[in-house]
Amino acid sequence: MQVQKIIEGLGYSPNEAKVYLATLSLGEAHISDIAAKVKLPRTSTQVIVDKLHKDGLLNFYVQRRYKYWVAEKPERLLEGIKKREEAVREALPALAALKREGLRKRGASDPTASLGLFRMFADTSVQPMLIANEKVEIEYVNAAWEQQFGYLLEEVKGQNPRILQSGKTPPEVHKAMWKNLKEGVMFQSEEIIDKRRDGTFFTMLTTIMPVNHNDHLFYIQILDDTTERARVEALRKNLLQTFGE
């Protein structure tokens, strides 16, 4: 392990690290001796020495009007780390507040922040789930949905979910669905008949929820067997408790 790189990792420049190590190896030295060892101009070396002195890494004594520099014990480097750590800890509450504010502002202006939360929720569900934005464009589907419909996310992203319609669902069902959703009310039905990629039809318990999060509207669809109403209801409550407003 290269010692100079370790010192540089503490926030010192390569030349500052060289000057400290040179002074440490010389024991005690005039500024010209240090400059010669590190092969830097005397004026540049003096600036560095003064900085290291201010940081507590170098000290000096005067003899016959000459100033001799001595490196403090290497443990002083640890003291510097502790001081920086304490300063950072003191600043943590303020930094955390700034982060929360940044996330709040981002969530209010960027719907992808909310979408990311819904995606994580969908990925933990065993039920097929589809997430559409306020323009009714598919934003995300989970793995269970891909398996059920035979489409990949890349194939349906940005499209309207109507591409999945079979044409066999009673028109009044779709009418009731949009009435509920526009009023901000959950819709649930066993009468929706969807179509897989291979052209086959199927019916499942369909639950669609309009969810507002950080001033952004999403439509979340959950599919399940008609015998699993309780499981869907539990999932719905969990989703609304987590993201609902």
Protein backbone atom coordinates (compact mmCIF):
# COMPACT_ATOMS: atom_id res chain seq x y z
CA MET A 1 0.00 0.00 0.00
CA GLN A 2 1.52 3.33 -1.04
CA VAL A 3 1.66 5.70 1.91
CA GLN A 4 1.51 8.83 -0.23
CA LYS A 5 -1.79 7.71 -1.77
CA ILE A 6 -3.24 7.20 1.70
CA ILE A 7 -2.37 10.76 2.68
CA GLU A 8 -3.79 12.05 -0.59
CA GLY A 9 -6.97 10.17 0.24
CA LEU A 10 -7.31 12.38 3.30
CA GLY A 11 -7.71 15.40 1.06
CA TYR A 12 -4.11 16.47 0.49
CA SER A 13 -2.55 17.13 -2.89
CA PRO A 14 0.33 14.95 -4.15
CA ASN A 15 2.84 17.73 -3.43
CA GLU A 16 1.44 18.27 0.06
CA ALA A 17 1.76 14.55 0.74
CA LYS A 18 5.35 14.58 -0.58
CA VAL A 19 6.32 17.53 1.62
CA TYR A 20 4.89 15.90 4.72
CA LEU A 21 6.64 12.57 4.03
CA ALA A 22 9.91 14.34 3.21
CA THR A 23 9.83 16.30 6.45
CA LEU A 24 8.97 13.15 8.34
CA SER A 25 11.97 11.32 6.88
CA LEU A 26 14.38 14.24 7.41
CA GLY A 27 13.62 14.47 11.10
CA GLU A 28 14.22 18.22 11.19
CA ALA A 29 15.08 20.37 8.23
CA HIS A 30 15.37 23.90 6.87
CA ILE A 31 12.88 24.83 4.18
CA SER A 32 15.58 24.64 1.51
CA ASP A 33 16.36 21.02 2.50
CA ILE A 34 12.72 20.06 2.20
CA ALA A 35 12.40 21.82 -1.17
CA ALA A 36 15.46 20.00 -2.48
CA LYS A 37 14.15 16.60 -1.37
CA VAL A 38 10.74 17.02 -3.00
CA LYS A 39 12.24 18.86 -6.01
CA LEU A 40 9.93 21.85 -5.75
CA PRO A 41 10.73 25.58 -5.74
CA ARG A 42 11.39 26.94 -2.28
CA THR A 43 8.49 29.40 -2.49
CA SER A 44 6.04 26.64 -3.40
CA THR A 45 7.39 24.43 -0.64
CA GLN A 46 6.97 27.24 1.88
CA VAL A 47 3.29 27.63 0.98
CA ILE A 48 2.75 23.92 1.48
CA VAL A 49 4.67 23.84 4.75
CA ASP A 50 2.57 26.71 6.11
CA LYS A 51 -0.62 24.85 5.23
CA LEU A 52 0.57 21.63 6.87
CA HIS A 53 1.57 23.65 9.91
CA LYS A 54 -1.92 25.11 10.09
CA ASP A 55 -3.34 21.56 9.90
CA GLY A 56 -1.14 20.51 12.81
CA LEU A 57 1.03 18.12 10.79
CA LEU A 58 4.23 20.20 10.91
CA ASN A 59 5.83 22.34 13.60
CA PHE A 60 9.03 24.37 13.82
CA TYR A 61 11.63 25.77 16.16
CA VAL A 62 14.04 28.64 15.65
CA GLN A 63 17.79 28.27 16.20
CA ARG A 64 20.29 31.00 15.36
CA ARG A 65 17.65 32.87 13.44
CA TYR A 66 16.94 29.85 11.25
CA LYS A 67 13.59 28.08 11.27
CA TYR A 68 13.72 24.30 11.32
CA TRP A 69 10.69 22.23 10.47
CA VAL A 70 9.68 18.99 12.19
CA ALA A 71 6.87 16.64 11.28
CA GLU A 72 4.43 15.91 14.06
CA LYS A 73 3.71 12.28 14.94
CA PRO A 74 1.71 10.46 12.22
CA GLU A 75 -1.15 9.95 14.68
CA ARG A 76 -2.05 13.58 13.98
CA LEU A 77 -3.48 12.35 10.68
CA LEU A 78 -6.06 10.37 12.65
CA GLU A 79 -6.90 13.43 14.69
CA GLY A 80 -7.63 15.28 11.48
CA ILE A 81 -9.95 12.50 10.35
CA LYS A 82 -11.81 12.61 13.67
CA LYS A 83 -12.30 16.37 13.40
CA ARG A 84 -13.68 16.03 9.89
CA GLU A 85 -15.95 13.19 10.98
CA GLU A 86 -17.29 15.30 13.84
CA ALA A 87 -17.90 18.21 11.47
CA VAL A 88 -19.77 15.94 9.06
CA ARG A 89 -21.87 14.45 11.87
CA GLU A 90 -22.84 17.94 13.01
CA ALA A 91 -23.88 18.76 9.46
CA LEU A 92 -25.86 15.54 8.92
CA PRO A 93 -29.26 16.89 10.11
CA ALA A 94 -28.98 19.85 7.73
CA LEU A 95 -27.81 17.60 4.88
CA ALA A 96 -30.66 15.17 5.51
CA ALA A 97 -33.16 18.04 5.45
CA LEU A 98 -31.76 19.21 2.12
CA LYS A 99 -32.07 15.68 0.71
CA ARG A 100 -35.69 15.40 1.85
CA GLU A 101 -36.48 18.77 0.31
CA GLY A 102 -34.79 17.73 -2.93
CA LEU A 103 -36.78 14.51 -3.07
CA ARG A 104 -39.99 16.41 -2.35
CA LYS A 105 -39.33 18.89 -5.15
CA ARG A 106 -38.29 16.14 -7.55
CA GLY A 107 -41.36 14.10 -6.74
CA ALA A 108 -43.58 17.13 -7.31
CA SER A 109 -42.05 17.89 -10.70
CA ASP A 110 -40.91 14.53 -11.98
CA PRO A 111 -43.44 11.68 -12.29
CA THR A 112 -40.61 9.15 -12.66
CA ALA A 113 -39.95 9.49 -8.93
CA SER A 114 -43.48 8.24 -8.17
CA LEU A 115 -43.32 5.64 -10.93
CA GLY A 116 -40.17 4.17 -9.37
CA LEU A 117 -42.07 3.55 -6.12
CA PHE A 118 -44.96 1.87 -7.95
CA ARG A 119 -42.54 -0.29 -9.92
CA MET A 120 -40.94 -1.59 -6.73
CA PHE A 121 -44.39 -2.38 -5.38
CA ALA A 122 -45.39 -4.21 -8.56
CA ASP A 123 -42.20 -6.25 -8.60
CA THR A 124 -43.02 -7.69 -5.17
CA SER A 125 -46.51 -8.78 -6.26
CA VAL A 126 -47.36 -12.28 -7.47
CA GLN A 127 -50.44 -10.89 -9.24
CA PRO A 128 -50.16 -9.47 -12.77
CA MET A 129 -49.93 -5.67 -12.45
CA LEU A 130 -50.01 -2.90 -15.03
CA ILE A 131 -49.24 0.77 -14.38
CA ALA A 132 -50.47 3.48 -16.75
CA ASN A 133 -49.92 7.24 -16.57
CA GLU A 134 -52.58 9.96 -16.61
CA LYS A 135 -52.58 9.82 -20.44
CA VAL A 136 -53.51 6.13 -20.13
CA GLU A 137 -50.19 5.02 -21.58
CA ILE A 138 -48.61 1.88 -20.21
CA GLU A 139 -45.59 2.77 -18.09
CA TYR A 140 -44.79 -0.57 -16.50
CA VAL A 141 -45.89 -4.19 -16.21
CA ASN A 142 -44.43 -6.76 -13.83
CA ALA A 143 -43.12 -10.21 -14.61
CA ALA A 144 -46.41 -11.90 -13.66
CA TRP A 145 -48.23 -9.68 -16.17
CA GLU A 146 -45.75 -10.52 -18.92
CA GLN A 147 -46.27 -14.22 -18.26
CA GLN A 148 -50.06 -13.89 -18.30
CA PHE A 149 -50.32 -11.83 -21.51
CA GLY A 150 -47.27 -13.05 -23.41
CA TYR A 151 -45.95 -9.55 -24.06
CA LEU A 152 -42.72 -8.01 -22.78
CA LEU A 153 -42.66 -4.56 -21.20
CA GLU A 154 -40.67 -3.19 -24.15
CA GLU A 155 -43.48 -4.24 -26.53
CA VAL A 156 -46.31 -2.48 -24.70
CA LYS A 157 -44.63 0.48 -22.99
CA GLY A 158 -46.19 3.75 -24.18
CA GLN A 159 -49.24 2.05 -25.68
CA ASN A 160 -52.85 2.31 -24.56
CA PRO A 161 -54.13 -0.78 -22.68
CA ARG A 162 -56.94 -1.04 -25.24
CA ILE A 163 -54.52 -3.16 -27.32
CA LEU A 164 -55.39 -5.94 -24.86
CA GLN A 165 -59.14 -5.73 -25.42
CA SER A 166 -60.82 -8.79 -26.84
CA GLY A 167 -63.92 -7.02 -28.13
CA LYS A 168 -66.01 -9.42 -26.04
CA THR A 169 -66.33 -7.30 -22.88
CA PRO A 170 -69.84 -5.79 -22.55
CA PRO A 171 -69.72 -2.05 -23.46
CA GLU A 172 -71.52 -1.09 -20.25
CA VAL A 173 -68.61 -2.55 -18.25
CA HIS A 174 -66.11 -0.21 -19.87
CA LYS A 175 -68.53 2.67 -19.42
CA ALA A 176 -68.87 1.93 -15.69
CA MET A 177 -65.10 1.55 -15.41
CA TRP A 178 -64.35 5.02 -16.80
CA LYS A 179 -67.12 6.59 -14.75
CA ASN A 180 -65.49 5.27 -11.59
CA LEU A 181 -61.96 6.17 -12.60
CA LYS A 182 -62.84 9.74 -13.59
CA GLU A 183 -64.48 10.17 -10.21
CA GLY A 184 -61.34 8.84 -8.52
CA VAL A 185 -63.04 5.64 -7.41
CA MET A 186 -61.68 2.11 -7.66
CA PHE A 187 -63.26 -0.18 -10.25
CA GLN A 188 -63.53 -3.95 -9.91
CA SER A 189 -65.14 -6.48 -12.25
CA GLU A 190 -65.17 -10.14 -13.21
CA GLU A 191 -66.68 -9.38 -16.63
CA ILE A 192 -63.65 -7.95 -18.44
CA ILE A 193 -62.38 -10.34 -21.08
CA ASP A 194 -58.77 -9.71 -22.11
CA LYS A 195 -56.77 -11.10 -25.01
CA ARG A 196 -53.30 -12.61 -24.82
CA ARG A 197 -50.64 -12.09 -27.44
CA ASP A 198 -51.42 -15.51 -28.96
CA GLY A 199 -55.06 -14.47 -29.47
CA THR A 200 -56.59 -16.52 -26.66
CA PHE A 201 -59.11 -14.93 -24.30
CA PHE A 202 -59.31 -15.08 -20.53
CA THR A 203 -61.27 -13.59 -17.66
CA MET A 204 -59.82 -12.68 -14.28
CA LEU A 205 -60.89 -10.47 -11.41
CA THR A 206 -59.82 -7.02 -12.62
CA THR A 207 -59.15 -4.25 -10.12
CA ILE A 208 -58.20 -0.78 -11.39
CA MET A 209 -57.28 2.03 -9.01
CA PRO A 210 -56.64 5.69 -9.79
CA VAL A 211 -53.83 6.72 -7.45
CA ASN A 212 -52.48 10.24 -6.96
CA HIS A 213 -48.93 10.54 -5.71
CA ASN A 214 -46.99 13.81 -5.54
CA ASP A 215 -49.63 15.45 -7.75
CA HIS A 216 -49.26 12.81 -10.47
CA LEU A 217 -52.09 10.47 -11.47
CA PHE A 218 -51.51 6.80 -12.22
CA TYR A 219 -53.87 3.96 -13.04
CA ILE A 220 -52.89 0.67 -11.46
CA GLN A 221 -54.47 -2.57 -12.65
CA ILE A 222 -54.29 -5.81 -10.68
CA LEU A 223 -55.49 -9.15 -12.04
CA ASP A 224 -56.30 -12.25 -10.04
CA ASP A 225 -58.47 -15.36 -9.93
CA THR A 226 -62.07 -14.64 -9.03
CA THR A 227 -61.60 -16.89 -6.01
CA GLU A 228 -58.91 -14.60 -4.64
CA ARG A 229 -60.89 -11.46 -3.80
CA ALA A 230 -59.47 -11.29 -0.30
CA ARG A 231 -55.88 -11.31 -1.54
CA VAL A 232 -56.58 -8.55 -4.06
CA GLU A 233 -58.36 -6.49 -1.42
CA ALA A 234 -55.38 -6.82 0.93
CA LEU A 235 -53.04 -5.75 -1.87
CA ARG A 236 -55.28 -2.79 -2.71
CA LYS A 237 -55.32 -1.58 0.91
CA ASN A 238 -51.56 -1.96 1.17
CA LEU A 239 -51.05 0.03 -2.02
CA LEU A 240 -53.36 2.84 -0.94
CA GLN A 241 -51.82 3.02 2.53
CA THR A 242 -48.37 3.29 1.01
CA PHE A 243 -49.01 5.65 -1.88
CA GLY A 244 -52.49 7.04 -1.54
CA GLU A 245 -53.18 10.68 -0.68
